[in-house]
Amino acid sequence: MKLYFAPNACSLAPHIVLRELGLPFSLVRVNNQSKRTADGRDFYRINPKGYVAALELEDGTVLTEGAAILQYLADLQPDAGLAPVNGSVARTQLQAQLNFIGSEIHAGMSPLFSSEIAEGAKAVLRGKLAKRLGYMEQVLADNGHAFGDGFTVADAYLFTVLGWAEYLKVDLAALPAIRRFREQIGARPAVIAALRAEAESAAVH
């Protein structure tokens, strides 16, 4: 498998899961500005949507959208417990949490990257985001994980988007469970290895 990624982007989540599962894969870095891969290809020809993550399977099929990729990977090794069994109520609950992370936290943070949005508007967006983070703070305070009581693909996704907080001036000071979660997930060997590999790739290219 090939994971098309950009350093510090949401593609970090499937990168973490690939390493958690010990699956064989290669990394292909994508320049988010030029939309070219590190080996010179037009990324739009790989993923017409133009953004990472994209996962190319051995038969050439390309999967897109982080939440879908995460579940595909989890289902390759169901015994690892990174997602409940497909078709179960628990799996639907995991999907609901992945959707919340994607549509409320990830999408809530994305506009804050734009230099075209005025600071006043960003303050309003941060206020809305604070309410969503408040919900997640309660989930983590109760369970220590984004879903259930053990590490799942939802933790990889949540850790990834929370990693943008400082850069985007999203204040986590009053959210101790979120800060503790970031420390605990950040200490996992797969997370450390993924972050190191992405940083080294960015330094080379």
N, C-alpha and C. Protein backbone atom coordinates (compact mmCIF):
# COMPACT_ATOMS: atom_id res chain seq x y z
N MET A 1 0.84 -1.20 0.00
CA MET A 1 0.00 0.00 0.00
C MET A 1 0.87 1.25 0.00
N LYS A 2 0.34 2.31 -0.60
CA LYS A 2 1.01 3.60 -0.59
C LYS A 2 0.11 4.62 0.09
N LEU A 3 0.66 5.33 1.06
CA LEU A 3 -0.09 6.41 1.71
C LEU A 3 0.43 7.74 1.19
N TYR A 4 -0.44 8.48 0.54
CA TYR A 4 -0.10 9.83 0.10
C TYR A 4 -0.40 10.78 1.25
N PHE A 5 0.60 11.54 1.64
CA PHE A 5 0.49 12.34 2.86
C PHE A 5 1.15 13.70 2.67
N ALA A 6 0.82 14.60 3.57
CA ALA A 6 1.53 15.86 3.71
C ALA A 6 1.84 16.02 5.19
N PRO A 7 3.04 16.47 5.53
CA PRO A 7 3.39 16.63 6.95
C PRO A 7 2.40 17.53 7.67
N ASN A 8 2.02 17.10 8.86
CA ASN A 8 1.12 17.85 9.74
C ASN A 8 -0.31 17.96 9.22
N ALA A 9 -0.66 17.17 8.22
CA ALA A 9 -2.02 17.17 7.68
C ALA A 9 -2.82 16.02 8.30
N CYS A 10 -4.10 15.92 7.91
CA CYS A 10 -4.96 14.89 8.49
C CYS A 10 -4.53 13.48 8.08
N SER A 11 -3.66 13.36 7.08
CA SER A 11 -3.14 12.06 6.68
C SER A 11 -2.30 11.40 7.77
N LEU A 12 -1.96 12.18 8.81
CA LEU A 12 -1.22 11.59 9.92
C LEU A 12 -2.04 10.48 10.59
N ALA A 13 -3.35 10.61 10.61
CA ALA A 13 -4.19 9.61 11.30
C ALA A 13 -4.04 8.22 10.68
N PRO A 14 -4.26 8.03 9.37
CA PRO A 14 -4.03 6.70 8.81
C PRO A 14 -2.57 6.27 8.87
N HIS A 15 -1.65 7.22 8.84
CA HIS A 15 -0.23 6.89 8.99
C HIS A 15 0.00 6.24 10.35
N ILE A 16 -0.58 6.82 11.39
CA ILE A 16 -0.46 6.25 12.73
C ILE A 16 -1.05 4.84 12.77
N VAL A 17 -2.22 4.68 12.18
CA VAL A 17 -2.90 3.38 12.23
C VAL A 17 -2.13 2.32 11.45
N LEU A 18 -1.56 2.68 10.32
CA LEU A 18 -0.72 1.73 9.58
C LEU A 18 0.41 1.21 10.46
N ARG A 19 1.01 2.09 11.23
CA ARG A 19 2.11 1.68 12.12
C ARG A 19 1.61 0.93 13.34
N GLU A 20 0.46 1.31 13.85
CA GLU A 20 -0.13 0.58 14.98
C GLU A 20 -0.38 -0.88 14.60
N LEU A 21 -0.81 -1.11 13.38
CA LEU A 21 -1.14 -2.46 12.91
C LEU A 21 0.06 -3.20 12.35
N GLY A 22 1.17 -2.50 12.14
CA GLY A 22 2.35 -3.14 11.59
C GLY A 22 2.18 -3.57 10.15
N LEU A 23 1.35 -2.84 9.41
CA LEU A 23 1.09 -3.20 8.01
C LEU A 23 2.21 -2.68 7.11
N PRO A 24 2.53 -3.40 6.05
CA PRO A 24 3.55 -2.92 5.11
C PRO A 24 2.99 -1.78 4.26
N PHE A 25 3.74 -0.69 4.15
CA PHE A 25 3.28 0.44 3.34
C PHE A 25 4.48 1.31 3.00
N SER A 26 4.28 2.16 2.01
CA SER A 26 5.28 3.18 1.69
C SER A 26 4.61 4.54 1.74
N LEU A 27 5.42 5.57 1.98
CA LEU A 27 4.93 6.93 2.08
C LEU A 27 5.26 7.70 0.81
N VAL A 28 4.31 8.46 0.32
CA VAL A 28 4.54 9.35 -0.82
C VAL A 28 4.11 10.74 -0.39
N ARG A 29 5.07 11.64 -0.28
CA ARG A 29 4.77 12.99 0.20
C ARG A 29 4.13 13.82 -0.91
N VAL A 30 3.15 14.63 -0.54
CA VAL A 30 2.45 15.50 -1.47
C VAL A 30 2.65 16.95 -1.04
N ASN A 31 2.97 17.79 -2.00
CA ASN A 31 3.08 19.22 -1.73
C ASN A 31 1.68 19.81 -1.82
N ASN A 32 1.17 20.34 -0.71
CA ASN A 32 -0.20 20.82 -0.68
C ASN A 32 -0.42 22.07 -1.52
N GLN A 33 0.66 22.78 -1.80
CA GLN A 33 0.53 23.99 -2.61
C GLN A 33 0.57 23.67 -4.11
N SER A 34 1.57 22.93 -4.54
CA SER A 34 1.72 22.62 -5.96
C SER A 34 0.89 21.42 -6.41
N LYS A 35 0.44 20.62 -5.45
CA LYS A 35 -0.30 19.39 -5.74
C LYS A 35 0.54 18.41 -6.58
N ARG A 36 1.83 18.40 -6.30
CA ARG A 36 2.73 17.44 -6.92
C ARG A 36 3.24 16.48 -5.86
N THR A 37 3.44 15.23 -6.26
CA THR A 37 4.03 14.27 -5.34
C THR A 37 5.54 14.45 -5.32
N ALA A 38 6.18 13.86 -4.34
CA ALA A 38 7.64 13.98 -4.22
C ALA A 38 8.35 13.39 -5.43
N ASP A 39 7.71 12.44 -6.11
CA ASP A 39 8.33 11.86 -7.31
C ASP A 39 7.83 12.53 -8.59
N GLY A 40 7.22 13.71 -8.47
CA GLY A 40 6.92 14.54 -9.63
C GLY A 40 5.58 14.33 -10.30
N ARG A 41 4.70 13.53 -9.73
CA ARG A 41 3.41 13.29 -10.37
C ARG A 41 2.37 14.34 -9.97
N ASP A 42 1.35 14.47 -10.80
CA ASP A 42 0.23 15.36 -10.52
C ASP A 42 -0.71 14.64 -9.55
N PHE A 43 -0.84 15.17 -8.35
CA PHE A 43 -1.64 14.47 -7.34
C PHE A 43 -3.11 14.39 -7.73
N TYR A 44 -3.58 15.35 -8.52
CA TYR A 44 -4.98 15.30 -8.95
C TYR A 44 -5.28 14.05 -9.78
N ARG A 45 -4.27 13.48 -10.40
CA ARG A 45 -4.48 12.26 -11.18
C ARG A 45 -4.62 11.04 -10.25
N ILE A 46 -4.18 11.19 -9.03
CA ILE A 46 -4.30 10.12 -8.03
C ILE A 46 -5.58 10.30 -7.23
N ASN A 47 -5.80 11.51 -6.76
CA ASN A 47 -7.03 11.85 -6.05
C ASN A 47 -7.58 13.15 -6.64
N PRO A 48 -8.62 13.07 -7.47
CA PRO A 48 -9.17 14.26 -8.11
C PRO A 48 -9.64 15.33 -7.13
N LYS A 49 -9.87 14.96 -5.88
CA LYS A 49 -10.27 15.94 -4.87
C LYS A 49 -9.11 16.87 -4.51
N GLY A 50 -7.89 16.37 -4.69
CA GLY A 50 -6.73 17.22 -4.51
C GLY A 50 -6.17 17.32 -3.12
N TYR A 51 -6.68 16.51 -2.20
CA TYR A 51 -6.15 16.60 -0.84
C TYR A 51 -5.86 15.21 -0.27
N VAL A 52 -4.94 15.20 0.68
CA VAL A 52 -4.61 13.98 1.40
C VAL A 52 -5.62 13.80 2.53
N ALA A 53 -5.80 12.57 3.00
CA ALA A 53 -5.03 11.38 2.69
C ALA A 53 -5.62 10.64 1.49
N ALA A 54 -4.76 9.87 0.84
CA ALA A 54 -5.19 8.91 -0.17
C ALA A 54 -4.37 7.65 0.05
N LEU A 55 -5.02 6.52 -0.04
CA LEU A 55 -4.35 5.24 0.17
C LEU A 55 -4.50 4.41 -1.10
N GLU A 56 -3.37 4.09 -1.72
CA GLU A 56 -3.38 3.28 -2.93
C GLU A 56 -3.14 1.82 -2.56
N LEU A 57 -4.07 0.97 -2.94
CA LEU A 57 -3.97 -0.46 -2.63
C LEU A 57 -3.12 -1.16 -3.67
N GLU A 58 -2.82 -2.42 -3.40
CA GLU A 58 -1.94 -3.19 -4.28
C GLU A 58 -2.49 -3.33 -5.70
N ASP A 59 -3.81 -3.33 -5.84
CA ASP A 59 -4.41 -3.48 -7.16
C ASP A 59 -4.60 -2.15 -7.88
N GLY A 60 -4.11 -1.06 -7.26
CA GLY A 60 -4.22 0.25 -7.88
C GLY A 60 -5.42 1.06 -7.44
N THR A 61 -6.35 0.45 -6.72
CA THR A 61 -7.50 1.18 -6.19
C THR A 61 -7.03 2.25 -5.22
N VAL A 62 -7.60 3.44 -5.32
CA VAL A 62 -7.24 4.53 -4.40
C VAL A 62 -8.43 4.85 -3.51
N LEU A 63 -8.20 4.75 -2.21
CA LEU A 63 -9.22 5.12 -1.23
C LEU A 63 -8.95 6.54 -0.75
N THR A 64 -10.02 7.31 -0.56
CA THR A 64 -9.89 8.67 -0.06
C THR A 64 -10.83 8.86 1.12
N GLU A 65 -10.69 10.02 1.78
CA GLU A 65 -11.45 10.41 2.97
C GLU A 65 -10.93 9.63 4.19
N GLY A 66 -10.40 10.40 5.12
CA GLY A 66 -9.72 9.82 6.26
C GLY A 66 -10.53 8.81 7.05
N ALA A 67 -11.79 9.14 7.36
CA ALA A 67 -12.61 8.24 8.18
C ALA A 67 -12.82 6.90 7.49
N ALA A 68 -12.98 6.93 6.17
CA ALA A 68 -13.15 5.68 5.42
C ALA A 68 -11.86 4.87 5.40
N ILE A 69 -10.75 5.54 5.17
CA ILE A 69 -9.45 4.86 5.15
C ILE A 69 -9.16 4.23 6.51
N LEU A 70 -9.43 4.96 7.57
CA LEU A 70 -9.17 4.44 8.91
C LEU A 70 -9.94 3.15 9.16
N GLN A 71 -11.19 3.12 8.76
CA GLN A 71 -11.99 1.92 9.00
C GLN A 71 -11.54 0.77 8.10
N TYR A 72 -11.16 1.07 6.89
CA TYR A 72 -10.64 0.03 6.00
C TYR A 72 -9.42 -0.63 6.64
N LEU A 73 -8.51 0.18 7.14
CA LEU A 73 -7.30 -0.35 7.76
C LEU A 73 -7.63 -1.18 9.00
N ALA A 74 -8.53 -0.67 9.82
CA ALA A 74 -8.91 -1.41 11.04
C ALA A 74 -9.48 -2.78 10.69
N ASP A 75 -10.23 -2.86 9.61
CA ASP A 75 -10.87 -4.11 9.22
C ASP A 75 -9.88 -5.12 8.62
N LEU A 76 -8.69 -4.66 8.25
CA LEU A 76 -7.67 -5.60 7.77
C LEU A 76 -7.16 -6.48 8.90
N GLN A 77 -7.22 -5.94 10.11
CA GLN A 77 -6.79 -6.71 11.28
C GLN A 77 -7.81 -6.52 12.40
N PRO A 78 -8.98 -7.13 12.27
CA PRO A 78 -10.04 -6.91 13.25
C PRO A 78 -9.67 -7.31 14.67
N ASP A 79 -8.78 -8.29 14.82
CA ASP A 79 -8.40 -8.74 16.15
C ASP A 79 -7.62 -7.68 16.93
N ALA A 80 -7.09 -6.67 16.21
CA ALA A 80 -6.35 -5.60 16.90
C ALA A 80 -7.28 -4.68 17.67
N GLY A 81 -8.56 -4.71 17.36
CA GLY A 81 -9.54 -3.95 18.13
C GLY A 81 -9.55 -2.46 17.88
N LEU A 82 -9.09 -2.02 16.72
CA LEU A 82 -9.07 -0.58 16.45
C LEU A 82 -10.42 -0.06 15.96
N ALA A 83 -11.36 -0.98 15.70
CA ALA A 83 -12.73 -0.62 15.36
C ALA A 83 -13.62 -1.82 15.68
N PRO A 84 -14.85 -1.60 16.16
CA PRO A 84 -15.77 -2.71 16.37
C PRO A 84 -16.11 -3.38 15.05
N VAL A 85 -16.66 -4.56 15.14
CA VAL A 85 -16.98 -5.33 13.94
C VAL A 85 -17.99 -4.59 13.08
N ASN A 86 -17.81 -4.67 11.76
CA ASN A 86 -18.71 -4.01 10.83
C ASN A 86 -20.13 -4.52 11.00
N GLY A 87 -21.09 -3.60 10.93
CA GLY A 87 -22.49 -3.98 11.04
C GLY A 87 -23.03 -3.96 12.45
N SER A 88 -22.17 -3.78 13.44
CA SER A 88 -22.61 -3.76 14.83
C SER A 88 -23.06 -2.35 15.23
N VAL A 89 -23.83 -2.27 16.30
CA VAL A 89 -24.23 -0.97 16.84
C VAL A 89 -22.99 -0.19 17.26
N ALA A 90 -22.03 -0.89 17.86
CA ALA A 90 -20.80 -0.22 18.30
C ALA A 90 -20.05 0.40 17.13
N ARG A 91 -20.08 -0.29 15.98
CA ARG A 91 -19.40 0.26 14.80
C ARG A 91 -20.10 1.55 14.35
N THR A 92 -21.41 1.55 14.39
CA THR A 92 -22.16 2.75 14.03
C THR A 92 -21.85 3.88 14.99
N GLN A 93 -21.68 3.56 16.27
CA GLN A 93 -21.33 4.58 17.25
C GLN A 93 -19.93 5.13 16.99
N LEU A 94 -19.00 4.26 16.59
CA LEU A 94 -17.67 4.72 16.21
C LEU A 94 -17.75 5.64 15.00
N GLN A 95 -18.55 5.26 14.01
CA GLN A 95 -18.71 6.09 12.82
C GLN A 95 -19.28 7.45 13.18
N ALA A 96 -20.20 7.48 14.14
CA ALA A 96 -20.76 8.75 14.59
C ALA A 96 -19.68 9.63 15.20
N GLN A 97 -18.79 9.01 15.97
CA GLN A 97 -17.72 9.79 16.59
C GLN A 97 -16.71 10.27 15.55
N LEU A 98 -16.40 9.41 14.58
CA LEU A 98 -15.51 9.83 13.49
C LEU A 98 -16.13 10.98 12.71
N ASN A 99 -17.43 10.90 12.47
CA ASN A 99 -18.11 11.99 11.76
C ASN A 99 -18.07 13.27 12.57
N PHE A 100 -18.24 13.17 13.87
CA PHE A 100 -18.19 14.36 14.73
C PHE A 100 -16.80 15.00 14.67
N ILE A 101 -15.78 14.17 14.80
CA ILE A 101 -14.41 14.69 14.74
C ILE A 101 -14.16 15.36 13.39
N GLY A 102 -14.67 14.73 12.32
CA GLY A 102 -14.44 15.26 10.99
C GLY A 102 -15.23 16.53 10.70
N SER A 103 -16.53 16.51 10.99
CA SER A 103 -17.40 17.62 10.59
C SER A 103 -17.40 18.77 11.58
N GLU A 104 -17.11 18.50 12.83
CA GLU A 104 -17.19 19.56 13.84
C GLU A 104 -15.82 20.07 14.29
N ILE A 105 -14.87 19.17 14.50
CA ILE A 105 -13.56 19.61 14.98
C ILE A 105 -12.61 19.86 13.81
N HIS A 106 -12.42 18.88 12.95
CA HIS A 106 -11.55 19.05 11.78
C HIS A 106 -12.07 20.20 10.91
N ALA A 107 -13.32 20.14 10.50
CA ALA A 107 -13.88 21.19 9.65
C ALA A 107 -13.99 22.51 10.39
N GLY A 108 -14.12 22.45 11.71
CA GLY A 108 -14.16 23.68 12.50
C GLY A 108 -12.82 24.38 12.57
N MET A 109 -11.76 23.60 12.50
CA MET A 109 -10.42 24.18 12.53
C MET A 109 -9.94 24.64 11.16
N SER A 110 -10.36 23.95 10.12
CA SER A 110 -9.82 24.21 8.78
C SER A 110 -9.86 25.67 8.35
N PRO A 111 -10.99 26.41 8.56
CA PRO A 111 -11.01 27.81 8.12
C PRO A 111 -9.98 28.69 8.83
N LEU A 112 -9.55 28.26 10.00
CA LEU A 112 -8.60 29.06 10.77
C LEU A 112 -7.23 29.09 10.12
N PHE A 113 -6.98 28.19 9.19
CA PHE A 113 -5.71 28.20 8.45
C PHE A 113 -5.67 29.32 7.40
N SER A 114 -6.84 29.82 7.01
CA SER A 114 -6.91 30.77 5.91
C SER A 114 -6.47 32.18 6.33
N SER A 115 -5.61 32.76 5.53
CA SER A 115 -5.18 34.15 5.76
C SER A 115 -6.20 35.14 5.22
N GLU A 116 -7.20 34.66 4.50
CA GLU A 116 -8.20 35.53 3.91
C GLU A 116 -9.37 35.80 4.85
N ILE A 117 -9.43 35.08 5.97
CA ILE A 117 -10.52 35.27 6.92
C ILE A 117 -10.06 36.23 8.01
N ALA A 118 -10.86 37.25 8.29
CA ALA A 118 -10.52 38.27 9.28
C ALA A 118 -10.45 37.68 10.67
N GLU A 119 -9.63 38.29 11.52
CA GLU A 119 -9.47 37.79 12.89
C GLU A 119 -10.79 37.80 13.65
N GLY A 120 -11.63 38.79 13.37
CA GLY A 120 -12.92 38.83 14.05
C GLY A 120 -13.77 37.62 13.74
N ALA A 121 -13.77 37.22 12.48
CA ALA A 121 -14.52 36.04 12.07
C ALA A 121 -13.90 34.78 12.68
N LYS A 122 -12.58 34.77 12.75
CA LYS A 122 -11.91 33.60 13.34
C LYS A 122 -12.26 33.47 14.83
N ALA A 123 -12.44 34.60 15.49
CA ALA A 123 -12.82 34.55 16.91
C ALA A 123 -14.18 33.89 17.08
N VAL A 124 -15.09 34.18 16.17
CA VAL A 124 -16.42 33.55 16.20
C VAL A 124 -16.29 32.05 15.96
N LEU A 125 -15.45 31.67 15.01
CA LEU A 125 -15.24 30.26 14.71
C LEU A 125 -14.62 29.54 15.90
N ARG A 126 -13.67 30.20 16.57
CA ARG A 126 -13.06 29.58 17.75
C ARG A 126 -14.07 29.39 18.87
N GLY A 127 -15.01 30.32 18.98
CA GLY A 127 -16.05 30.18 20.00
C GLY A 127 -16.93 28.97 19.74
N LYS A 128 -17.31 28.76 18.49
CA LYS A 128 -18.10 27.58 18.13
C LYS A 128 -17.29 26.31 18.36
N LEU A 129 -16.03 26.36 17.98
CA LEU A 129 -15.16 25.20 18.16
C LEU A 129 -15.00 24.85 19.63
N ALA A 130 -14.96 25.87 20.48
CA ALA A 130 -14.80 25.63 21.92
C ALA A 130 -15.95 24.77 22.47
N LYS A 131 -17.16 24.97 21.94
CA LYS A 131 -18.30 24.17 22.39
C LYS A 131 -18.13 22.71 21.99
N ARG A 132 -17.62 22.49 20.78
CA ARG A 132 -17.41 21.12 20.30
C ARG A 132 -16.30 20.44 21.12
N LEU A 133 -15.27 21.20 21.42
CA LEU A 133 -14.18 20.66 22.23
C LEU A 133 -14.65 20.38 23.65
N GLY A 134 -15.62 21.16 24.11
CA GLY A 134 -16.17 20.91 25.44
C GLY A 134 -16.84 19.55 25.53
N TYR A 135 -17.54 19.17 24.47
CA TYR A 135 -18.13 17.84 24.42
C TYR A 135 -17.04 16.77 24.45
N MET A 136 -16.00 16.96 23.65
CA MET A 136 -14.93 15.97 23.60
C MET A 136 -14.17 15.91 24.91
N GLU A 137 -14.06 17.03 25.60
CA GLU A 137 -13.42 17.05 26.91
C GLU A 137 -14.16 16.12 27.87
N GLN A 138 -15.49 16.15 27.82
CA GLN A 138 -16.28 15.30 28.70
C GLN A 138 -16.11 13.82 28.34
N VAL A 139 -16.10 13.52 27.04
CA VAL A 139 -15.89 12.14 26.59
C VAL A 139 -14.55 11.62 27.11
N LEU A 140 -13.51 12.41 26.96
CA LEU A 140 -12.17 11.99 27.37
C LEU A 140 -12.04 11.93 28.89
N ALA A 141 -12.72 12.82 29.58
CA ALA A 141 -12.69 12.78 31.04
C ALA A 141 -13.35 11.50 31.56
N ASP A 142 -14.38 11.04 30.85
CA ASP A 142 -15.10 9.83 31.27
C ASP A 142 -14.36 8.55 30.89
N ASN A 143 -13.77 8.53 29.69
CA ASN A 143 -13.23 7.28 29.14
C ASN A 143 -11.74 7.28 28.84
N GLY A 144 -11.15 8.45 28.72
CA GLY A 144 -9.73 8.53 28.38
C GLY A 144 -9.44 8.34 26.90
N HIS A 145 -10.49 8.00 26.13
CA HIS A 145 -10.35 7.78 24.69
C HIS A 145 -11.52 8.40 23.96
N ALA A 146 -11.32 8.64 22.66
CA ALA A 146 -12.36 9.26 21.85
C ALA A 146 -13.58 8.36 21.68
N PHE A 147 -13.35 7.06 21.75
CA PHE A 147 -14.45 6.10 21.64
C PHE A 147 -14.10 4.88 22.48
N GLY A 148 -15.02 4.48 23.36
CA GLY A 148 -14.78 3.31 24.18
C GLY A 148 -13.68 3.55 25.19
N ASP A 149 -13.12 2.45 25.69
CA ASP A 149 -12.13 2.57 26.76
C ASP A 149 -10.74 2.11 26.34
N GLY A 150 -10.52 1.98 25.02
CA GLY A 150 -9.21 1.60 24.52
C GLY A 150 -8.89 2.34 23.24
N PHE A 151 -7.65 2.23 22.77
CA PHE A 151 -7.23 2.95 21.58
C PHE A 151 -7.95 2.43 20.34
N THR A 152 -8.54 3.36 19.58
CA THR A 152 -9.19 3.03 18.31
C THR A 152 -8.75 4.04 17.25
N VAL A 153 -9.26 3.84 16.04
CA VAL A 153 -8.94 4.77 14.96
C VAL A 153 -9.43 6.18 15.27
N ALA A 154 -10.46 6.31 16.11
CA ALA A 154 -10.95 7.64 16.48
C ALA A 154 -9.90 8.41 17.26
N ASP A 155 -9.11 7.72 18.05
CA ASP A 155 -8.03 8.39 18.80
C ASP A 155 -6.96 8.93 17.85
N ALA A 156 -6.63 8.15 16.83
CA ALA A 156 -5.63 8.62 15.86
C ALA A 156 -6.11 9.88 15.16
N TYR A 157 -7.39 9.91 14.81
CA TYR A 157 -7.95 11.07 14.11
C TYR A 157 -8.02 12.28 15.04
N LEU A 158 -8.53 12.07 16.24
CA LEU A 158 -8.64 13.19 17.19
C LEU A 158 -7.27 13.75 17.54
N PHE A 159 -6.30 12.89 17.80
CA PHE A 159 -4.95 13.35 18.11
C PHE A 159 -4.41 14.21 16.97
N THR A 160 -4.66 13.80 15.75
CA THR A 160 -4.15 14.52 14.58
C THR A 160 -4.71 15.93 14.52
N VAL A 161 -6.02 16.09 14.63
CA VAL A 161 -6.61 17.43 14.48
C VAL A 161 -6.32 18.31 15.69
N LEU A 162 -6.20 17.72 16.86
CA LEU A 162 -5.84 18.51 18.04
C LEU A 162 -4.42 19.05 17.95
N GLY A 163 -3.60 18.39 17.14
CA GLY A 163 -2.22 18.83 16.97
C GLY A 163 -2.09 20.19 16.30
N TRP A 164 -3.18 20.68 15.71
CA TRP A 164 -3.16 21.99 15.06
C TRP A 164 -3.50 23.13 16.01
N ALA A 165 -3.88 22.81 17.23
CA ALA A 165 -4.47 23.81 18.13
C ALA A 165 -3.56 25.01 18.38
N GLU A 166 -2.32 24.76 18.75
CA GLU A 166 -1.43 25.89 19.07
C GLU A 166 -1.24 26.81 17.87
N TYR A 167 -0.98 26.22 16.72
CA TYR A 167 -0.75 27.03 15.51
C TYR A 167 -1.96 27.89 15.19
N LEU A 168 -3.15 27.35 15.43
CA LEU A 168 -4.38 28.06 15.10
C LEU A 168 -4.92 28.90 16.25
N LYS A 169 -4.15 28.96 17.34
CA LYS A 169 -4.53 29.77 18.52
C LYS A 169 -5.85 29.29 19.13
N VAL A 170 -6.00 27.98 19.18
CA VAL A 170 -7.15 27.37 19.85
C VAL A 170 -6.70 27.01 21.26
N ASP A 171 -7.27 27.66 22.24
CA ASP A 171 -6.83 27.54 23.63
C ASP A 171 -7.34 26.24 24.26
N LEU A 172 -6.42 25.40 24.68
CA LEU A 172 -6.78 24.14 25.34
C LEU A 172 -6.48 24.17 26.83
N ALA A 173 -6.13 25.33 27.35
CA ALA A 173 -5.70 25.44 28.75
C ALA A 173 -6.75 24.96 29.73
N ALA A 174 -8.02 25.20 29.43
CA ALA A 174 -9.10 24.84 30.35
C ALA A 174 -9.65 23.44 30.07
N LEU A 175 -8.93 22.65 29.30
CA LEU A 175 -9.39 21.32 28.90
C LEU A 175 -8.36 20.27 29.31
N PRO A 176 -8.29 19.95 30.60
CA PRO A 176 -7.23 19.04 31.08
C PRO A 176 -7.32 17.64 30.51
N ALA A 177 -8.52 17.13 30.26
CA ALA A 177 -8.64 15.77 29.72
C ALA A 177 -8.09 15.72 28.28
N ILE A 178 -8.34 16.78 27.51
CA ILE A 178 -7.80 16.85 26.15
C ILE A 178 -6.29 16.95 26.19
N ARG A 179 -5.76 17.75 27.08
CA ARG A 179 -4.30 17.88 27.17
C ARG A 179 -3.66 16.57 27.61
N ARG A 180 -4.30 15.88 28.53
CA ARG A 180 -3.79 14.58 28.99
C ARG A 180 -3.85 13.55 27.85
N PHE A 181 -4.95 13.58 27.10
CA PHE A 181 -5.10 12.68 25.94
C PHE A 181 -3.97 12.89 24.95
N ARG A 182 -3.67 14.14 24.64
CA ARG A 182 -2.62 14.43 23.67
C ARG A 182 -1.26 13.90 24.15
N GLU A 183 -1.00 14.03 25.43
CA GLU A 183 0.26 13.52 25.97
C GLU A 183 0.32 12.00 25.89
N GLN A 184 -0.77 11.34 26.27
CA GLN A 184 -0.78 9.88 26.30
C GLN A 184 -0.70 9.28 24.90
N ILE A 185 -1.49 9.81 23.96
CA ILE A 185 -1.46 9.28 22.60
C ILE A 185 -0.12 9.63 21.95
N GLY A 186 0.38 10.82 22.24
CA GLY A 186 1.65 11.24 21.67
C GLY A 186 2.83 10.40 22.11
N ALA A 187 2.67 9.66 23.20
CA ALA A 187 3.75 8.81 23.70
C ALA A 187 3.72 7.40 23.11
N ARG A 188 2.69 7.08 22.32
CA ARG A 188 2.62 5.75 21.73
C ARG A 188 3.73 5.59 20.68
N PRO A 189 4.40 4.43 20.65
CA PRO A 189 5.50 4.24 19.70
C PRO A 189 5.10 4.48 18.25
N ALA A 190 3.91 4.06 17.85
CA ALA A 190 3.48 4.25 16.46
C ALA A 190 3.33 5.73 16.13
N VAL A 191 2.86 6.50 17.09
CA VAL A 191 2.69 7.94 16.88
C VAL A 191 4.06 8.62 16.77
N ILE A 192 4.95 8.25 17.66
CA ILE A 192 6.31 8.82 17.62
C ILE A 192 6.98 8.50 16.29
N ALA A 193 6.84 7.25 15.84
CA ALA A 193 7.47 6.83 14.58
C ALA A 193 6.86 7.56 13.39
N ALA A 194 5.54 7.74 13.39
CA ALA A 194 4.89 8.42 12.28
C ALA A 194 5.31 9.89 12.21
N LEU A 195 5.33 10.55 13.35
CA LEU A 195 5.73 11.96 13.38
C LEU A 195 7.19 12.12 12.94
N ARG A 196 8.02 11.20 13.38
CA ARG A 196 9.44 11.27 13.00
C ARG A 196 9.61 11.08 11.49
N ALA A 197 8.91 10.10 10.93
CA ALA A 197 9.02 9.83 9.50
C ALA A 197 8.54 11.02 8.67
N GLU A 198 7.47 11.65 9.11
CA GLU A 198 6.95 12.80 8.36
C GLU A 198 7.88 14.00 8.47
N ALA A 199 8.46 14.20 9.65
CA ALA A 199 9.40 15.32 9.82
C ALA A 199 10.66 15.10 8.98
N GLU A 200 11.14 13.87 8.93
CA GLU A 200 12.34 13.57 8.13
C GLU A 200 12.04 13.75 6.64
N SER A 201 10.85 13.36 6.21
CA SER A 201 10.48 13.52 4.82
C SER A 201 10.40 14.99 4.44
N ALA A 202 9.84 15.81 5.33
CA ALA A 202 9.74 17.23 5.06
C ALA A 202 11.11 17.88 4.98
N ALA A 203 12.04 17.38 5.77
CA ALA A 203 13.39 17.94 5.78
C ALA A 203 14.15 17.59 4.51
N VAL A 204 13.89 16.40 3.97
CA VAL A 204 14.60 15.94 2.78
C VAL A 204 14.12 16.68 1.54
N HIS A 205 12.81 16.86 1.41
CA HIS A 205 12.25 17.43 0.18
C HIS A 205 12.03 18.92 0.34
